[in-house]
Amino acid sequence: MGDFAGARQPHARHLRKGRVALPHHAYLITAVVAKRTPVFAELGAARCAARYLHDADVARHAQTLAFVVMPDHVHWLLQMTATGRLDEAVRCYKAKVSISLGQRLWQRGYHDHALRRDEDLRAAARYIIANPLRAGLVENIGDYPHWDAIWL
């Protein structure tokens, strides 16, 4: 998934206009670190990024179904709660990780893909989790520690 900095993609801000999250609907989110700095290559930072995907404040808006923390971005498959807001789930997550690590981390905005009803959630989770393999970070996904899925 691409780089969503406003300077590099002038229409990135427009992605947020009209964004609506439907209750109980699943979304694939990609949040990218500013300047693609590999902050999460450090074990403690990656664990922090993973931990806040299950934070109670985030969970008020969405349930985490699967995720992978890559060195410079996070892929997150979530399902909205009945009253949750997608923008608030992402805002809360990004803020908590930044505060915990003591620095502003993220590019503005995020990329979201609403899964269609005919898209298989488990297939989407497998795609997300396979990112470290496709990136050449590991040869076996079991060797990459920064991912999870509720089906395990």
N, C-alpha and C. Protein backbone atom coordinates (compact mmCIF):
# COMPACT_ATOMS: atom_id res chain seq x y z
N MET A 1 0.84 -1.16 0.00
CA MET A 1 0.00 0.00 0.00
C MET A 1 0.89 1.23 0.00
N GLY A 2 0.40 2.29 -0.55
CA GLY A 2 1.25 3.43 -0.85
C GLY A 2 1.53 4.37 0.28
N ASP A 3 2.31 5.37 -0.05
CA ASP A 3 2.72 6.43 0.84
C ASP A 3 1.63 7.50 0.80
N PHE A 4 1.10 7.90 1.93
CA PHE A 4 -0.06 8.77 1.94
C PHE A 4 0.23 10.15 2.49
N ALA A 5 1.47 10.59 2.43
CA ALA A 5 1.80 11.93 2.89
C ALA A 5 1.18 12.95 1.94
N GLY A 6 0.60 13.99 2.49
CA GLY A 6 -0.03 15.01 1.68
C GLY A 6 0.93 15.62 0.68
N ALA A 7 2.22 15.76 1.05
CA ALA A 7 3.19 16.37 0.15
C ALA A 7 3.48 15.47 -1.05
N ARG A 8 3.41 14.18 -0.86
CA ARG A 8 3.73 13.26 -1.94
C ARG A 8 2.50 12.87 -2.73
N GLN A 9 1.35 12.93 -2.10
CA GLN A 9 0.10 12.65 -2.78
C GLN A 9 -0.86 13.79 -2.45
N PRO A 10 -0.96 14.79 -3.31
CA PRO A 10 -1.69 16.00 -2.98
C PRO A 10 -3.16 15.79 -2.66
N HIS A 11 -3.75 14.67 -3.06
CA HIS A 11 -5.17 14.46 -2.81
C HIS A 11 -5.42 13.59 -1.59
N ALA A 12 -4.38 13.26 -0.82
CA ALA A 12 -4.54 12.38 0.33
C ALA A 12 -5.55 12.93 1.33
N ARG A 13 -5.56 14.25 1.51
CA ARG A 13 -6.49 14.85 2.45
C ARG A 13 -7.93 14.62 2.02
N HIS A 14 -8.18 14.56 0.71
CA HIS A 14 -9.52 14.36 0.19
C HIS A 14 -10.05 12.96 0.48
N LEU A 15 -9.16 12.01 0.77
CA LEU A 15 -9.63 10.66 1.09
C LEU A 15 -10.49 10.67 2.34
N ARG A 16 -10.22 11.62 3.25
CA ARG A 16 -10.96 11.67 4.51
C ARG A 16 -12.36 12.25 4.34
N LYS A 17 -12.57 13.04 3.31
CA LYS A 17 -13.88 13.65 3.11
C LYS A 17 -14.92 12.58 2.78
N GLY A 18 -16.02 12.59 3.48
CA GLY A 18 -17.10 11.68 3.19
C GLY A 18 -16.87 10.25 3.62
N ARG A 19 -15.78 9.99 4.33
CA ARG A 19 -15.50 8.63 4.79
C ARG A 19 -16.54 8.25 5.82
N VAL A 20 -17.20 7.15 5.59
CA VAL A 20 -18.25 6.69 6.49
C VAL A 20 -17.94 5.24 6.85
N ALA A 21 -18.00 4.93 8.12
CA ALA A 21 -17.80 3.56 8.56
C ALA A 21 -19.15 2.97 8.95
N LEU A 22 -19.48 1.87 8.36
CA LEU A 22 -20.75 1.22 8.65
C LEU A 22 -20.62 0.32 9.86
N PRO A 23 -21.62 0.28 10.73
CA PRO A 23 -21.57 -0.60 11.90
C PRO A 23 -21.34 -2.05 11.49
N HIS A 24 -20.48 -2.71 12.22
CA HIS A 24 -20.16 -4.13 12.04
C HIS A 24 -19.46 -4.45 10.72
N HIS A 25 -19.09 -3.44 9.96
CA HIS A 25 -18.41 -3.64 8.69
C HIS A 25 -16.90 -3.81 8.93
N ALA A 26 -16.22 -4.55 8.08
CA ALA A 26 -14.77 -4.78 8.21
C ALA A 26 -14.00 -3.84 7.28
N TYR A 27 -12.86 -3.37 7.77
CA TYR A 27 -12.01 -2.45 7.03
C TYR A 27 -10.56 -2.89 7.15
N LEU A 28 -9.82 -2.69 6.09
CA LEU A 28 -8.38 -2.88 6.11
C LEU A 28 -7.76 -1.49 6.14
N ILE A 29 -6.99 -1.22 7.19
CA ILE A 29 -6.37 0.08 7.40
C ILE A 29 -4.87 -0.06 7.21
N THR A 30 -4.26 0.93 6.58
CA THR A 30 -2.81 1.03 6.52
C THR A 30 -2.43 2.39 7.06
N ALA A 31 -1.63 2.39 8.12
CA ALA A 31 -1.10 3.62 8.72
C ALA A 31 0.41 3.61 8.53
N VAL A 32 0.96 4.70 7.99
CA VAL A 32 2.36 4.75 7.61
C VAL A 32 3.12 5.73 8.49
N VAL A 33 4.33 5.34 8.88
CA VAL A 33 5.21 6.20 9.67
C VAL A 33 5.72 7.34 8.77
N ALA A 34 5.82 8.54 9.34
CA ALA A 34 6.31 9.69 8.59
C ALA A 34 7.67 9.40 7.97
N LYS A 35 7.81 9.80 6.72
CA LYS A 35 9.03 9.61 5.94
C LYS A 35 9.45 8.15 5.85
N ARG A 36 8.50 7.27 6.14
CA ARG A 36 8.74 5.81 6.10
C ARG A 36 9.95 5.40 6.94
N THR A 37 10.15 6.11 8.02
CA THR A 37 11.23 5.77 8.95
C THR A 37 10.91 4.43 9.59
N PRO A 38 11.85 3.48 9.60
CA PRO A 38 11.57 2.13 10.13
C PRO A 38 11.59 2.07 11.67
N VAL A 39 10.74 2.84 12.29
CA VAL A 39 10.65 2.92 13.75
C VAL A 39 10.37 1.55 14.35
N PHE A 40 9.52 0.77 13.70
CA PHE A 40 9.09 -0.51 14.27
C PHE A 40 10.06 -1.65 13.98
N ALA A 41 11.21 -1.35 13.42
CA ALA A 41 12.27 -2.36 13.29
C ALA A 41 12.85 -2.66 14.68
N GLU A 42 12.66 -1.73 15.61
CA GLU A 42 13.12 -1.91 16.99
C GLU A 42 12.03 -2.69 17.74
N LEU A 43 12.43 -3.74 18.43
CA LEU A 43 11.51 -4.67 19.07
C LEU A 43 10.51 -3.99 20.01
N GLY A 44 10.98 -3.13 20.88
CA GLY A 44 10.09 -2.46 21.84
C GLY A 44 9.05 -1.60 21.15
N ALA A 45 9.45 -0.88 20.11
CA ALA A 45 8.51 -0.03 19.38
C ALA A 45 7.47 -0.88 18.65
N ALA A 46 7.89 -1.99 18.07
CA ALA A 46 6.95 -2.87 17.37
C ALA A 46 5.96 -3.48 18.36
N ARG A 47 6.43 -3.87 19.52
CA ARG A 47 5.52 -4.43 20.53
C ARG A 47 4.53 -3.38 21.00
N CYS A 48 4.98 -2.16 21.14
CA CYS A 48 4.09 -1.06 21.53
C CYS A 48 3.00 -0.88 20.47
N ALA A 49 3.40 -0.85 19.20
CA ALA A 49 2.44 -0.68 18.12
C ALA A 49 1.42 -1.82 18.11
N ALA A 50 1.86 -3.03 18.39
CA ALA A 50 0.95 -4.18 18.42
C ALA A 50 0.01 -4.11 19.62
N ARG A 51 0.53 -3.73 20.76
CA ARG A 51 -0.26 -3.70 22.01
C ARG A 51 -1.46 -2.76 21.89
N TYR A 52 -1.27 -1.58 21.31
CA TYR A 52 -2.36 -0.61 21.27
C TYR A 52 -3.46 -0.95 20.28
N LEU A 53 -3.26 -1.94 19.44
CA LEU A 53 -4.34 -2.39 18.56
C LEU A 53 -5.44 -3.08 19.36
N HIS A 54 -5.13 -3.47 20.59
CA HIS A 54 -6.10 -4.12 21.47
C HIS A 54 -6.48 -3.23 22.66
N ASP A 55 -6.13 -1.98 22.62
CA ASP A 55 -6.41 -1.04 23.70
C ASP A 55 -7.92 -0.86 23.88
N ALA A 56 -8.35 -0.69 25.11
CA ALA A 56 -9.78 -0.56 25.41
C ALA A 56 -10.42 0.64 24.71
N ASP A 57 -9.70 1.77 24.63
CA ASP A 57 -10.25 2.95 23.96
C ASP A 57 -10.44 2.71 22.47
N VAL A 58 -9.51 1.99 21.87
CA VAL A 58 -9.63 1.63 20.45
C VAL A 58 -10.78 0.64 20.26
N ALA A 59 -10.87 -0.32 21.17
CA ALA A 59 -11.88 -1.38 21.08
C ALA A 59 -13.31 -0.84 21.22
N ARG A 60 -13.49 0.34 21.77
CA ARG A 60 -14.84 0.94 21.81
C ARG A 60 -15.35 1.22 20.40
N HIS A 61 -14.43 1.40 19.48
CA HIS A 61 -14.80 1.73 18.10
C HIS A 61 -14.71 0.54 17.16
N ALA A 62 -13.74 -0.35 17.42
CA ALA A 62 -13.51 -1.44 16.48
C ALA A 62 -12.81 -2.60 17.15
N GLN A 63 -13.12 -3.80 16.67
CA GLN A 63 -12.43 -5.01 17.13
C GLN A 63 -11.32 -5.33 16.15
N THR A 64 -10.13 -5.58 16.66
CA THR A 64 -9.02 -5.98 15.81
C THR A 64 -9.19 -7.45 15.44
N LEU A 65 -9.22 -7.72 14.13
CA LEU A 65 -9.34 -9.09 13.63
C LEU A 65 -7.96 -9.66 13.29
N ALA A 66 -7.11 -8.84 12.70
CA ALA A 66 -5.76 -9.27 12.33
C ALA A 66 -4.91 -8.02 12.12
N PHE A 67 -3.59 -8.19 12.27
CA PHE A 67 -2.68 -7.08 12.01
C PHE A 67 -1.29 -7.61 11.75
N VAL A 68 -0.48 -6.76 11.14
CA VAL A 68 0.96 -6.98 11.06
C VAL A 68 1.62 -5.61 11.21
N VAL A 69 2.62 -5.56 12.07
CA VAL A 69 3.42 -4.35 12.25
C VAL A 69 4.68 -4.53 11.42
N MET A 70 4.79 -3.74 10.37
CA MET A 70 5.96 -3.75 9.51
C MET A 70 6.94 -2.68 10.02
N PRO A 71 8.17 -2.67 9.55
CA PRO A 71 9.14 -1.69 10.07
C PRO A 71 8.68 -0.23 9.96
N ASP A 72 7.93 0.11 8.90
CA ASP A 72 7.55 1.52 8.73
C ASP A 72 6.04 1.75 8.52
N HIS A 73 5.24 0.74 8.78
CA HIS A 73 3.79 0.91 8.66
C HIS A 73 3.08 -0.25 9.36
N VAL A 74 1.77 -0.08 9.50
CA VAL A 74 0.94 -1.09 10.14
C VAL A 74 -0.24 -1.40 9.22
N HIS A 75 -0.50 -2.69 9.02
CA HIS A 75 -1.71 -3.14 8.33
C HIS A 75 -2.63 -3.69 9.41
N TRP A 76 -3.89 -3.28 9.37
CA TRP A 76 -4.82 -3.58 10.46
C TRP A 76 -6.18 -3.92 9.86
N LEU A 77 -6.64 -5.14 10.11
CA LEU A 77 -7.98 -5.57 9.71
C LEU A 77 -8.86 -5.45 10.94
N LEU A 78 -9.90 -4.64 10.82
CA LEU A 78 -10.77 -4.40 11.98
C LEU A 78 -12.22 -4.50 11.57
N GLN A 79 -13.05 -4.68 12.58
CA GLN A 79 -14.50 -4.69 12.36
C GLN A 79 -15.11 -3.67 13.30
N MET A 80 -15.91 -2.79 12.74
CA MET A 80 -16.51 -1.71 13.52
C MET A 80 -17.50 -2.25 14.55
N THR A 81 -17.56 -1.58 15.69
CA THR A 81 -18.60 -1.88 16.67
C THR A 81 -19.90 -1.23 16.19
N ALA A 82 -20.96 -1.46 16.93
CA ALA A 82 -22.27 -0.90 16.53
C ALA A 82 -22.26 0.62 16.51
N THR A 83 -21.50 1.24 17.41
CA THR A 83 -21.50 2.70 17.50
C THR A 83 -20.11 3.30 17.23
N GLY A 84 -19.17 2.49 16.81
CA GLY A 84 -17.80 2.96 16.62
C GLY A 84 -17.63 3.87 15.41
N ARG A 85 -16.54 4.64 15.46
CA ARG A 85 -16.17 5.53 14.36
C ARG A 85 -14.78 5.14 13.88
N LEU A 86 -14.66 4.92 12.59
CA LEU A 86 -13.38 4.53 12.00
C LEU A 86 -12.31 5.58 12.26
N ASP A 87 -12.64 6.84 12.01
CA ASP A 87 -11.65 7.90 12.20
C ASP A 87 -11.17 7.97 13.64
N GLU A 88 -12.07 7.74 14.59
CA GLU A 88 -11.69 7.78 16.01
C GLU A 88 -10.85 6.57 16.41
N ALA A 89 -11.16 5.41 15.86
CA ALA A 89 -10.35 4.22 16.15
C ALA A 89 -8.92 4.44 15.70
N VAL A 90 -8.74 4.94 14.49
CA VAL A 90 -7.39 5.17 13.96
C VAL A 90 -6.71 6.31 14.70
N ARG A 91 -7.42 7.40 14.94
CA ARG A 91 -6.84 8.54 15.66
C ARG A 91 -6.37 8.13 17.04
N CYS A 92 -7.19 7.40 17.75
CA CYS A 92 -6.87 6.95 19.10
C CYS A 92 -5.65 6.02 19.07
N TYR A 93 -5.64 5.08 18.15
CA TYR A 93 -4.51 4.15 18.03
C TYR A 93 -3.21 4.90 17.76
N LYS A 94 -3.21 5.75 16.76
CA LYS A 94 -2.00 6.46 16.38
C LYS A 94 -1.52 7.37 17.52
N ALA A 95 -2.44 8.03 18.21
CA ALA A 95 -2.07 8.91 19.32
C ALA A 95 -1.44 8.11 20.46
N LYS A 96 -2.03 6.99 20.81
CA LYS A 96 -1.50 6.20 21.92
C LYS A 96 -0.10 5.65 21.62
N VAL A 97 0.13 5.21 20.40
CA VAL A 97 1.46 4.72 20.04
C VAL A 97 2.46 5.87 20.08
N SER A 98 2.10 7.01 19.52
CA SER A 98 3.00 8.17 19.52
C SER A 98 3.34 8.63 20.93
N ILE A 99 2.33 8.72 21.78
CA ILE A 99 2.56 9.16 23.17
C ILE A 99 3.43 8.15 23.90
N SER A 100 3.14 6.88 23.73
CA SER A 100 3.91 5.84 24.41
C SER A 100 5.38 5.87 24.00
N LEU A 101 5.64 6.12 22.73
CA LEU A 101 7.02 6.15 22.24
C LEU A 101 7.66 7.54 22.35
N GLY A 102 6.87 8.52 22.78
CA GLY A 102 7.40 9.86 23.03
C GLY A 102 7.80 10.63 21.79
N GLN A 103 7.12 10.38 20.69
CA GLN A 103 7.42 11.12 19.46
C GLN A 103 6.25 11.10 18.51
N ARG A 104 6.18 12.12 17.65
CA ARG A 104 5.19 12.12 16.58
C ARG A 104 5.68 11.15 15.52
N LEU A 105 4.89 10.16 15.21
CA LEU A 105 5.34 9.09 14.33
C LEU A 105 4.74 9.11 12.95
N TRP A 106 3.48 9.43 12.85
CA TRP A 106 2.69 9.03 11.70
C TRP A 106 2.56 10.10 10.63
N GLN A 107 2.43 9.63 9.40
CA GLN A 107 2.00 10.52 8.34
C GLN A 107 0.54 10.88 8.59
N ARG A 108 0.12 12.01 8.07
CA ARG A 108 -1.28 12.40 8.22
C ARG A 108 -2.16 11.42 7.46
N GLY A 109 -3.32 11.17 8.00
CA GLY A 109 -4.29 10.32 7.33
C GLY A 109 -3.93 8.85 7.40
N TYR A 110 -4.63 8.07 6.62
CA TYR A 110 -4.43 6.63 6.55
C TYR A 110 -5.18 6.15 5.31
N HIS A 111 -4.85 4.95 4.90
CA HIS A 111 -5.58 4.36 3.77
C HIS A 111 -6.57 3.35 4.34
N ASP A 112 -7.78 3.38 3.85
CA ASP A 112 -8.75 2.37 4.28
C ASP A 112 -9.39 1.71 3.07
N HIS A 113 -9.70 0.44 3.24
CA HIS A 113 -10.41 -0.34 2.23
C HIS A 113 -11.55 -1.05 2.93
N ALA A 114 -12.76 -0.72 2.57
CA ALA A 114 -13.92 -1.40 3.11
C ALA A 114 -14.06 -2.74 2.40
N LEU A 115 -14.08 -3.81 3.16
CA LEU A 115 -14.23 -5.12 2.55
C LEU A 115 -15.67 -5.29 2.08
N ARG A 116 -15.80 -5.78 0.87
CA ARG A 116 -17.14 -6.05 0.34
C ARG A 116 -17.69 -7.31 1.01
N ARG A 117 -18.97 -7.45 0.96
CA ARG A 117 -19.61 -8.61 1.60
C ARG A 117 -19.09 -9.94 1.04
N ASP A 118 -18.67 -9.93 -0.24
CA ASP A 118 -18.20 -11.18 -0.84
C ASP A 118 -16.71 -11.44 -0.57
N GLU A 119 -16.04 -10.52 0.11
CA GLU A 119 -14.63 -10.72 0.44
C GLU A 119 -14.52 -11.53 1.73
N ASP A 120 -13.68 -12.52 1.71
CA ASP A 120 -13.47 -13.42 2.84
C ASP A 120 -12.54 -12.76 3.86
N LEU A 121 -13.00 -12.60 5.10
CA LEU A 121 -12.20 -11.98 6.15
C LEU A 121 -10.90 -12.76 6.41
N ARG A 122 -10.99 -14.07 6.41
CA ARG A 122 -9.79 -14.87 6.66
C ARG A 122 -8.78 -14.73 5.53
N ALA A 123 -9.25 -14.63 4.32
CA ALA A 123 -8.34 -14.43 3.18
C ALA A 123 -7.67 -13.05 3.30
N ALA A 124 -8.43 -12.05 3.72
CA ALA A 124 -7.85 -10.72 3.93
C ALA A 124 -6.80 -10.77 5.05
N ALA A 125 -7.10 -11.50 6.10
CA ALA A 125 -6.14 -11.65 7.21
C ALA A 125 -4.87 -12.35 6.73
N ARG A 126 -5.01 -13.41 5.95
CA ARG A 126 -3.83 -14.11 5.42
C ARG A 126 -2.99 -13.19 4.55
N TYR A 127 -3.64 -12.36 3.76
CA TYR A 127 -2.93 -11.42 2.91
C TYR A 127 -2.12 -10.44 3.77
N ILE A 128 -2.75 -9.90 4.81
CA ILE A 128 -2.08 -8.96 5.71
C ILE A 128 -0.87 -9.63 6.36
N ILE A 129 -1.09 -10.79 6.92
CA ILE A 129 -0.05 -11.48 7.67
C ILE A 129 1.12 -11.90 6.79
N ALA A 130 0.88 -12.10 5.51
CA ALA A 130 1.94 -12.51 4.59
C ALA A 130 2.84 -11.35 4.16
N ASN A 131 2.55 -10.13 4.59
CA ASN A 131 3.36 -8.98 4.20
C ASN A 131 4.85 -9.14 4.52
N PRO A 132 5.24 -9.63 5.67
CA PRO A 132 6.68 -9.80 5.93
C PRO A 132 7.34 -10.79 4.97
N LEU A 133 6.60 -11.79 4.51
CA LEU A 133 7.13 -12.73 3.52
C LEU A 133 7.35 -12.02 2.19
N ARG A 134 6.34 -11.29 1.73
CA ARG A 134 6.46 -10.58 0.45
C ARG A 134 7.54 -9.52 0.49
N ALA A 135 7.77 -8.93 1.67
CA ALA A 135 8.81 -7.89 1.81
C ALA A 135 10.20 -8.50 1.97
N GLY A 136 10.28 -9.82 2.09
CA GLY A 136 11.57 -10.47 2.24
C GLY A 136 12.18 -10.35 3.62
N LEU A 137 11.35 -10.02 4.62
CA LEU A 137 11.86 -9.89 5.99
C LEU A 137 12.12 -11.24 6.64
N VAL A 138 11.34 -12.25 6.25
CA VAL A 138 11.48 -13.61 6.76
C VAL A 138 11.13 -14.59 5.64
N GLU A 139 11.55 -15.83 5.82
CA GLU A 139 11.18 -16.87 4.87
C GLU A 139 9.99 -17.68 5.37
N ASN A 140 9.71 -17.60 6.66
CA ASN A 140 8.61 -18.32 7.29
C ASN A 140 7.89 -17.34 8.20
N ILE A 141 6.58 -17.20 8.04
CA ILE A 141 5.84 -16.23 8.83
C ILE A 141 5.96 -16.50 10.33
N GLY A 142 6.19 -17.74 10.71
CA GLY A 142 6.39 -18.06 12.12
C GLY A 142 7.63 -17.41 12.71
N ASP A 143 8.53 -16.95 11.85
CA ASP A 143 9.74 -16.28 12.32
C ASP A 143 9.54 -14.78 12.52
N TYR A 144 8.38 -14.26 12.13
CA TYR A 144 8.11 -12.83 12.28
C TYR A 144 7.19 -12.64 13.48
N PRO A 145 7.63 -11.89 14.50
CA PRO A 145 6.87 -11.85 15.75
C PRO A 145 5.74 -10.83 15.84
N HIS A 146 5.59 -9.93 14.88
CA HIS A 146 4.69 -8.80 15.06
C HIS A 146 3.42 -8.91 14.23
N TRP A 147 2.66 -9.97 14.44
CA TRP A 147 1.38 -10.14 13.77
C TRP A 147 0.47 -10.99 14.66
N ASP A 148 -0.80 -10.93 14.36
CA ASP A 148 -1.76 -11.77 15.07
C ASP A 148 -3.07 -11.77 14.29
N ALA A 149 -3.89 -12.76 14.56
CA ALA A 149 -5.23 -12.86 13.97
C ALA A 149 -6.11 -13.60 14.97
N ILE A 150 -7.37 -13.20 15.04
CA ILE A 150 -8.26 -13.81 16.03
C ILE A 150 -8.55 -15.28 15.76
N TRP A 151 -8.25 -15.75 14.57
CA TRP A 151 -8.56 -17.13 14.21
C TRP A 151 -7.51 -18.12 14.69
N LEU A 152 -6.48 -17.64 15.36
CA LEU A 152 -5.42 -18.52 15.82
C LEU A 152 -5.67 -18.99 17.24
